[in-house]
Amino acid sequence: MTPPRPWSALLAQELRLAARHPGDTLAAVLFFVLVAALFPFGSGPAPEALARLAPGALVASALLAALLPLDRLFGADAEDGTLDQLLLSGLSPAALAGAKAAAHFLTTGVPLLLATPVAAAMLQLPVDAWPAALAALGLCSAFLSLLGTAGAALTLGARRGGALLPLLVLPLAIPAVIFGAAAIEAAASGLPVRPMLLLLGALVAAALPLAPLAAGAALREG
């Protein structure tokens, strides 16, 4: 079993690197807010129309924004040889992938959650539904971080991997979009939210062991 110290050290290193180079995080947050800001122009400023669009728009915008840094998740380390050193360090490939997924969630998913109230206000989502939106987007972001890590490992070294990665990940993320939007819509309508959040939690629980193992196998073969 992999000792926890190398894993936590790698996670801390990833967080330090993200803090020194915040461009990816800032780009994802700005993309999220700007995409949410486009919906009022496309559907008109009527609060009723925006409120109907808000659940799906929030989830889709957040997932698309979270995709932006994924093509560099392993790519930068592969280019400078760091990835080879990490694979030879004694840390299992699955644990390495798990650390990368956790770092992606903390450096991209969490900032997107902090920007959610701004996007929700632009889309005229009722304030009462904001807690459910945060919970749903948090679970969706965690799910995408896991899926995206596996996708980034599978497309590492492929020609036009940056274009192939969304085509691989987005179809698998459709259940998260459905349940996340349904949870936000239920909260806005005063209906129970817990069933949808439990389904999202089940998706995260299923991806938590499987995605790092798939990513580790791809890294090992690569």
C-alpha atoms as a PDB file:
ATOM      1  CA  MET A   1       0.000   0.000   0.000  1.00  0.00           C
ATOM      2  CA  THR A   2       1.344   3.449  -0.907  1.00  0.00           C
ATOM      3  CA  PRO A   3       2.423   5.457   2.131  1.00  0.00           C
ATOM      4  CA  PRO A   4       0.436   8.676   2.529  1.00  0.00           C
ATOM      5  CA  ARG A   5       3.446  11.000   2.858  1.00  0.00           C
ATOM      6  CA  PRO A   6       4.624  10.894  -0.805  1.00  0.00           C
ATOM      7  CA  TRP A   7       1.037  11.353  -1.947  1.00  0.00           C
ATOM      8  CA  SER A   8       0.466  14.366   0.269  1.00  0.00           C
ATOM      9  CA  ALA A   9       3.849  15.790  -0.728  1.00  0.00           C
ATOM     10  CA  LEU A  10       2.914  15.534  -4.393  1.00  0.00           C
ATOM     11  CA  LEU A  11      -0.459  17.169  -3.730  1.00  0.00           C
ATOM     12  CA  ALA A  12       1.230  19.995  -1.824  1.00  0.00           C
ATOM     13  CA  GLN A  13       3.685  20.467  -4.682  1.00  0.00           C
ATOM     14  CA  GLU A  14       0.847  20.683  -7.205  1.00  0.00           C
ATOM     15  CA  LEU A  15      -0.906  23.290  -5.065  1.00  0.00           C
ATOM     16  CA  ARG A  16       2.281  25.347  -4.744  1.00  0.00           C
ATOM     17  CA  LEU A  17       2.797  25.284  -8.508  1.00  0.00           C
ATOM     18  CA  ALA A  18      -0.799  26.377  -9.073  1.00  0.00           C
ATOM     19  CA  ALA A  19      -0.363  29.232  -6.597  1.00  0.00           C
ATOM     20  CA  ARG A  20       2.768  30.434  -8.417  1.00  0.00           C
ATOM     21  CA  HIS A  21       1.088  30.218 -11.830  1.00  0.00           C
ATOM     22  CA  PRO A  22      -2.597  31.083 -11.304  1.00  0.00           C
ATOM     23  CA  GLY A  23      -3.320  31.646 -14.985  1.00  0.00           C
ATOM     24  CA  ASP A  24      -5.157  28.334 -15.508  1.00  0.00           C
ATOM     25  CA  THR A  25      -7.382  28.899 -12.488  1.00  0.00           C
ATOM     26  CA  LEU A  26      -8.143  32.474 -13.451  1.00  0.00           C
ATOM     27  CA  ALA A  27      -8.923  31.476 -17.038  1.00  0.00           C
ATOM     28  CA  ALA A  28     -11.358  28.782 -15.871  1.00  0.00           C
ATOM     29  CA  VAL A  29     -13.174  31.169 -13.505  1.00  0.00           C
ATOM     30  CA  LEU A  30     -13.424  33.923 -16.117  1.00  0.00           C
ATOM     31  CA  PHE A  31     -14.656  31.440 -18.714  1.00  0.00           C
ATOM     32  CA  PHE A  32     -17.348  30.226 -16.305  1.00  0.00           C
ATOM     33  CA  VAL A  33     -18.571  33.732 -15.524  1.00  0.00           C
ATOM     34  CA  LEU A  34     -18.436  34.915 -19.146  1.00  0.00           C
ATOM     35  CA  VAL A  35     -20.366  31.900 -20.459  1.00  0.00           C
ATOM     36  CA  ALA A  36     -23.015  32.448 -17.782  1.00  0.00           C
ATOM     37  CA  ALA A  37     -23.157  36.119 -18.781  1.00  0.00           C
ATOM     38  CA  LEU A  38     -23.874  35.175 -22.414  1.00  0.00           C
ATOM     39  CA  PHE A  39     -27.167  33.436 -21.636  1.00  0.00           C
ATOM     40  CA  PRO A  40     -29.093  36.656 -20.851  1.00  0.00           C
ATOM     41  CA  PHE A  41     -28.067  37.981 -24.266  1.00  0.00           C
ATOM     42  CA  GLY A  42     -29.211  34.823 -26.019  1.00  0.00           C
ATOM     43  CA  SER A  43     -32.525  34.283 -24.248  1.00  0.00           C
ATOM     44  CA  GLY A  44     -33.411  37.846 -23.291  1.00  0.00           C
ATOM     45  CA  PRO A  45     -33.393  39.485 -19.864  1.00  0.00           C
ATOM     46  CA  ALA A  46     -36.783  38.118 -18.736  1.00  0.00           C
ATOM     47  CA  PRO A  47     -36.258  36.647 -15.232  1.00  0.00           C
ATOM     48  CA  GLU A  48     -38.650  33.756 -15.888  1.00  0.00           C
ATOM     49  CA  ALA A  49     -36.789  32.623 -19.002  1.00  0.00           C
ATOM     50  CA  LEU A  50     -33.404  32.947 -17.324  1.00  0.00           C
ATOM     51  CA  ALA A  51     -34.578  31.045 -14.251  1.00  0.00           C
ATOM     52  CA  ARG A  52     -35.631  28.125 -16.466  1.00  0.00           C
ATOM     53  CA  LEU A  53     -32.248  28.084 -18.178  1.00  0.00           C
ATOM     54  CA  ALA A  54     -30.184  28.655 -15.033  1.00  0.00           C
ATOM     55  CA  PRO A  55     -29.812  25.044 -13.748  1.00  0.00           C
ATOM     56  CA  GLY A  56     -28.517  23.577 -16.996  1.00  0.00           C
ATOM     57  CA  ALA A  57     -26.511  26.700 -17.843  1.00  0.00           C
ATOM     58  CA  LEU A  58     -24.710  26.689 -14.497  1.00  0.00           C
ATOM     59  CA  VAL A  59     -23.735  23.028 -14.661  1.00  0.00           C
ATOM     60  CA  ALA A  60     -22.717  23.076 -18.323  1.00  0.00           C
ATOM     61  CA  SER A  61     -20.702  26.285 -17.923  1.00  0.00           C
ATOM     62  CA  ALA A  62     -18.874  24.949 -14.863  1.00  0.00           C
ATOM     63  CA  LEU A  63     -17.991  21.638 -16.504  1.00  0.00           C
ATOM     64  CA  LEU A  64     -16.758  23.310 -19.680  1.00  0.00           C
ATOM     65  CA  ALA A  65     -14.656  25.713 -17.616  1.00  0.00           C
ATOM     66  CA  ALA A  66     -13.179  22.860 -15.590  1.00  0.00           C
ATOM     67  CA  LEU A  67     -12.063  21.187 -18.827  1.00  0.00           C
ATOM     68  CA  LEU A  68      -9.702  24.023 -19.731  1.00  0.00           C
ATOM     69  CA  PRO A  69      -6.704  23.041 -17.535  1.00  0.00           C
ATOM     70  CA  LEU A  70      -7.034  19.297 -18.098  1.00  0.00           C
ATOM     71  CA  ASP A  71      -4.850  19.034 -21.196  1.00  0.00           C
ATOM     72  CA  ARG A  72      -1.908  20.325 -19.133  1.00  0.00           C
ATOM     73  CA  LEU A  73      -2.576  18.018 -16.190  1.00  0.00           C
ATOM     74  CA  PHE A  74       0.113  15.528 -17.257  1.00  0.00           C
ATOM     75  CA  GLY A  75       1.362  17.286 -20.375  1.00  0.00           C
ATOM     76  CA  ALA A  76       3.635  19.786 -18.637  1.00  0.00           C
ATOM     77  CA  ASP A  77       5.230  17.065 -16.493  1.00  0.00           C
ATOM     78  CA  ALA A  78       5.697  14.821 -19.535  1.00  0.00           C
ATOM     79  CA  GLU A  79       7.433  17.591 -21.479  1.00  0.00           C
ATOM     80  CA  ASP A  80      10.092  18.333 -18.835  1.00  0.00           C
ATOM     81  CA  GLY A  81      10.627  14.740 -17.666  1.00  0.00           C
ATOM     82  CA  THR A  82       8.986  15.204 -14.270  1.00  0.00           C
ATOM     83  CA  LEU A  83       6.379  12.568 -15.018  1.00  0.00           C
ATOM     84  CA  ASP A  84       9.026   9.899 -15.609  1.00  0.00           C
ATOM     85  CA  GLN A  85      10.676  10.781 -12.300  1.00  0.00           C
ATOM     86  CA  LEU A  86       7.362  10.590 -10.473  1.00  0.00           C
ATOM     87  CA  LEU A  87       6.639   7.160 -11.960  1.00  0.00           C
ATOM     88  CA  LEU A  88      10.067   5.967 -10.767  1.00  0.00           C
ATOM     89  CA  SER A  89       9.734   7.514  -7.316  1.00  0.00           C
ATOM     90  CA  GLY A  90       7.866   4.573  -5.772  1.00  0.00           C
ATOM     91  CA  LEU A  91       4.490   6.292  -5.880  1.00  0.00           C
ATOM     92  CA  SER A  92       2.017   4.059  -7.692  1.00  0.00           C
ATOM     93  CA  PRO A  93       0.610   5.421 -10.979  1.00  0.00           C
ATOM     94  CA  ALA A  94      -2.926   5.256  -9.548  1.00  0.00           C
ATOM     95  CA  ALA A  95      -1.870   7.276  -6.499  1.00  0.00           C
ATOM     96  CA  LEU A  96      -0.140   9.771  -8.785  1.00  0.00           C
ATOM     97  CA  ALA A  97      -3.329  10.143 -10.801  1.00  0.00           C
ATOM     98  CA  GLY A  98      -5.353  10.528  -7.604  1.00  0.00           C
ATOM     99  CA  ALA A  99      -3.107  13.356  -6.444  1.00  0.00           C
ATOM    100  CA  LYS A 100      -3.482  15.070  -9.814  1.00  0.00           C
ATOM    101  CA  ALA A 101      -7.283  14.743  -9.625  1.00  0.00           C
ATOM    102  CA  ALA A 102      -7.360  16.172  -6.103  1.00  0.00           C
ATOM    103  CA  ALA A 103      -5.137  19.066  -7.169  1.00  0.00           C
ATOM    104  CA  HIS A 104      -7.377  19.792 -10.159  1.00  0.00           C
ATOM    105  CA  PHE A 105     -10.446  19.886  -7.947  1.00  0.00           C
ATOM    106  CA  LEU A 106      -8.801  22.158  -5.361  1.00  0.00           C
ATOM    107  CA  THR A 107      -7.296  24.557  -7.885  1.00  0.00           C
ATOM    108  CA  THR A 108     -10.156  24.632 -10.406  1.00  0.00           C
ATOM    109  CA  GLY A 109     -13.306  23.166  -8.879  1.00  0.00           C
ATOM    110  CA  VAL A 110     -13.170  25.150  -5.632  1.00  0.00           C
ATOM    111  CA  PRO A 111     -12.566  28.529  -7.352  1.00  0.00           C
ATOM    112  CA  LEU A 112     -15.502  27.777  -9.649  1.00  0.00           C
ATOM    113  CA  LEU A 113     -17.657  27.198  -6.574  1.00  0.00           C
ATOM    114  CA  LEU A 114     -16.588  30.576  -5.207  1.00  0.00           C
ATOM    115  CA  ALA A 115     -17.689  32.185  -8.479  1.00  0.00           C
ATOM    116  CA  THR A 116     -21.029  30.355  -8.534  1.00  0.00           C
ATOM    117  CA  PRO A 117     -23.019  33.078  -6.715  1.00  0.00           C
ATOM    118  CA  VAL A 118     -21.937  35.608  -9.352  1.00  0.00           C
ATOM    119  CA  ALA A 119     -23.032  33.328 -12.196  1.00  0.00           C
ATOM    120  CA  ALA A 120     -26.247  32.395 -10.383  1.00  0.00           C
ATOM    121  CA  ALA A 121     -27.137  36.061  -9.928  1.00  0.00           C
ATOM    122  CA  MET A 122     -26.558  36.720 -13.638  1.00  0.00           C
ATOM    123  CA  LEU A 123     -28.929  33.885 -14.486  1.00  0.00           C
ATOM    124  CA  GLN A 124     -31.617  35.075 -12.054  1.00  0.00           C
ATOM    125  CA  LEU A 125     -31.462  31.842 -10.047  1.00  0.00           C
ATOM    126  CA  PRO A 126     -33.459  32.259  -6.814  1.00  0.00           C
ATOM    127  CA  VAL A 127     -31.234  32.819  -3.799  1.00  0.00           C
ATOM    128  CA  ASP A 128     -32.934  29.935  -1.997  1.00  0.00           C
ATOM    129  CA  ALA A 129     -31.504  27.573  -4.628  1.00  0.00           C
ATOM    130  CA  TRP A 130     -27.897  28.768  -4.251  1.00  0.00           C
ATOM    131  CA  PRO A 131     -26.921  26.229  -1.526  1.00  0.00           C
ATOM    132  CA  ALA A 132     -28.196  23.370  -3.703  1.00  0.00           C
ATOM    133  CA  ALA A 133     -26.347  24.827  -6.683  1.00  0.00           C
ATOM    134  CA  LEU A 134     -23.106  24.908  -4.687  1.00  0.00           C
ATOM    135  CA  ALA A 135     -23.586  21.319  -3.514  1.00  0.00           C
ATOM    136  CA  ALA A 136     -24.467  20.072  -7.000  1.00  0.00           C
ATOM    137  CA  LEU A 137     -21.599  21.906  -8.693  1.00  0.00           C
ATOM    138  CA  GLY A 138     -19.174  20.695  -6.035  1.00  0.00           C
ATOM    139  CA  LEU A 139     -20.082  17.074  -6.723  1.00  0.00           C
ATOM    140  CA  CYS A 140     -20.104  17.635 -10.496  1.00  0.00           C
ATOM    141  CA  SER A 141     -16.663  19.253 -10.322  1.00  0.00           C
ATOM    142  CA  ALA A 142     -15.271  16.377  -8.267  1.00  0.00           C
ATOM    143  CA  PHE A 143     -16.685  13.888 -10.758  1.00  0.00           C
ATOM    144  CA  LEU A 144     -15.201  15.774 -13.698  1.00  0.00           C
ATOM    145  CA  SER A 145     -11.814  16.044 -11.983  1.00  0.00           C
ATOM    146  CA  LEU A 146     -11.722  12.261 -11.680  1.00  0.00           C
ATOM    147  CA  LEU A 147     -13.003  11.631 -15.196  1.00  0.00           C
ATOM    148  CA  GLY A 148     -10.754  14.314 -16.632  1.00  0.00           C
ATOM    149  CA  THR A 149      -7.672  12.868 -14.987  1.00  0.00           C
ATOM    150  CA  ALA A 150      -8.351   9.512 -16.613  1.00  0.00           C
ATOM    151  CA  GLY A 151      -9.019  11.220 -19.932  1.00  0.00           C
ATOM    152  CA  ALA A 152      -5.843  13.306 -19.699  1.00  0.00           C
ATOM    153  CA  ALA A 153      -3.798  10.169 -19.021  1.00  0.00           C
ATOM    154  CA  LEU A 154      -5.403   8.284 -21.905  1.00  0.00           C
ATOM    155  CA  THR A 155      -4.779  11.105 -24.387  1.00  0.00           C
ATOM    156  CA  LEU A 156      -1.253  11.894 -23.160  1.00  0.00           C
ATOM    157  CA  GLY A 157       1.085  11.925 -26.114  1.00  0.00           C
ATOM    158  CA  ALA A 158      -1.720  11.633 -28.661  1.00  0.00           C
ATOM    159  CA  ARG A 159      -1.789  13.937 -31.631  1.00  0.00           C
ATOM    160  CA  ARG A 160      -4.268  16.740 -30.984  1.00  0.00           C
ATOM    161  CA  GLY A 161      -4.866  15.363 -27.519  1.00  0.00           C
ATOM    162  CA  GLY A 162      -6.277  18.708 -26.407  1.00  0.00           C
ATOM    163  CA  ALA A 163      -9.097  18.369 -28.949  1.00  0.00           C
ATOM    164  CA  LEU A 164      -9.615  14.671 -28.234  1.00  0.00           C
ATOM    165  CA  LEU A 165      -9.884  15.088 -24.463  1.00  0.00           C
ATOM    166  CA  PRO A 166     -13.275  16.905 -24.387  1.00  0.00           C
ATOM    167  CA  LEU A 167     -14.694  14.406 -26.881  1.00  0.00           C
ATOM    168  CA  LEU A 168     -13.701  11.617 -24.517  1.00  0.00           C
ATOM    169  CA  VAL A 169     -14.753  13.185 -21.230  1.00  0.00           C
ATOM    170  CA  LEU A 170     -17.922  15.134 -22.000  1.00  0.00           C
ATOM    171  CA  PRO A 171     -20.103  12.146 -23.037  1.00  0.00           C
ATOM    172  CA  LEU A 172     -19.182  10.403 -19.782  1.00  0.00           C
ATOM    173  CA  ALA A 173     -20.079  13.557 -17.834  1.00  0.00           C
ATOM    174  CA  ILE A 174     -23.652  13.655 -19.171  1.00  0.00           C
ATOM    175  CA  PRO A 175     -25.149  11.882 -16.099  1.00  0.00           C
ATOM    176  CA  ALA A 176     -23.557  14.492 -13.831  1.00  0.00           C
ATOM    177  CA  VAL A 177     -25.036  17.277 -15.970  1.00  0.00           C
ATOM    178  CA  ILE A 178     -28.493  15.690 -15.789  1.00  0.00           C
ATOM    179  CA  PHE A 179     -28.497  15.104 -12.041  1.00  0.00           C
ATOM    180  CA  GLY A 180     -26.779  18.407 -11.235  1.00  0.00           C
ATOM    181  CA  ALA A 181     -29.249  20.457 -13.267  1.00  0.00           C
ATOM    182  CA  ALA A 182     -32.149  18.467 -11.818  1.00  0.00           C
ATOM    183  CA  ALA A 183     -30.970  19.166  -8.273  1.00  0.00           C
ATOM    184  CA  ILE A 184     -30.753  22.911  -8.910  1.00  0.00           C
ATOM    185  CA  GLU A 185     -34.130  22.961 -10.653  1.00  0.00           C
ATOM    186  CA  ALA A 186     -35.718  21.044  -7.776  1.00  0.00           C
ATOM    187  CA  ALA A 187     -34.315  23.536  -5.263  1.00  0.00           C
ATOM    188  CA  ALA A 188     -35.612  26.461  -7.320  1.00  0.00           C
ATOM    189  CA  SER A 189     -39.062  24.837  -7.429  1.00  0.00           C
ATOM    190  CA  GLY A 190     -39.154  23.996  -3.726  1.00  0.00           C
ATOM    191  CA  LEU A 191     -38.897  20.241  -4.323  1.00  0.00           C
ATOM    192  CA  PRO A 192     -36.627  17.749  -2.492  1.00  0.00           C
ATOM    193  CA  VAL A 193     -33.010  17.991  -3.592  1.00  0.00           C
ATOM    194  CA  ARG A 194     -31.521  15.108  -1.628  1.00  0.00           C
ATOM    195  CA  PRO A 195     -32.259  12.297  -4.168  1.00  0.00           C
ATOM    196  CA  MET A 196     -30.387  14.082  -6.956  1.00  0.00           C
ATOM    197  CA  LEU A 197     -27.462  14.925  -4.698  1.00  0.00           C
ATOM    198  CA  LEU A 198     -27.288  11.293  -3.593  1.00  0.00           C
ATOM    199  CA  LEU A 199     -27.133  10.193  -7.222  1.00  0.00           C
ATOM    200  CA  LEU A 200     -24.305  12.659  -7.839  1.00  0.00           C
ATOM    201  CA  GLY A 201     -22.545  11.350  -4.751  1.00  0.00           C
ATOM    202  CA  ALA A 202     -22.911   7.810  -6.098  1.00  0.00           C
ATOM    203  CA  LEU A 203     -21.246   8.878  -9.355  1.00  0.00           C
ATOM    204  CA  VAL A 204     -18.336  10.393  -7.426  1.00  0.00           C
ATOM    205  CA  ALA A 205     -18.063   7.304  -5.222  1.00  0.00           C
ATOM    206  CA  ALA A 206     -17.918   5.057  -8.297  1.00  0.00           C
ATOM    207  CA  ALA A 207     -15.331   7.234 -10.058  1.00  0.00           C
ATOM    208  CA  LEU A 208     -13.158   7.665  -6.962  1.00  0.00           C
ATOM    209  CA  PRO A 209     -11.465   4.243  -7.194  1.00  0.00           C
ATOM    210  CA  LEU A 210     -12.010   3.547 -10.902  1.00  0.00           C
ATOM    211  CA  ALA A 211     -10.749   6.752 -12.522  1.00  0.00           C
ATOM    212  CA  PRO A 212      -7.316   6.796 -10.809  1.00  0.00           C
ATOM    213  CA  LEU A 213      -6.844   3.106 -11.613  1.00  0.00           C
ATOM    214  CA  ALA A 214      -7.669   3.718 -15.286  1.00  0.00           C
ATOM    215  CA  ALA A 215      -5.405   6.760 -15.372  1.00  0.00           C
ATOM    216  CA  GLY A 216      -2.611   4.843 -13.656  1.00  0.00           C
ATOM    217  CA  ALA A 217      -2.867   2.010 -16.141  1.00  0.00           C
ATOM    218  CA  ALA A 218      -2.663   4.501 -19.021  1.00  0.00           C
ATOM    219  CA  LEU A 219       0.366   6.199 -17.477  1.00  0.00           C
ATOM    220  CA  ARG A 220       2.049   2.840 -16.912  1.00  0.00           C
ATOM    221  CA  GLU A 221       1.503   1.752 -20.502  1.00  0.00           C
ATOM    222  CA  GLY A 222       2.474   5.162 -21.848  1.00  0.00           C
END
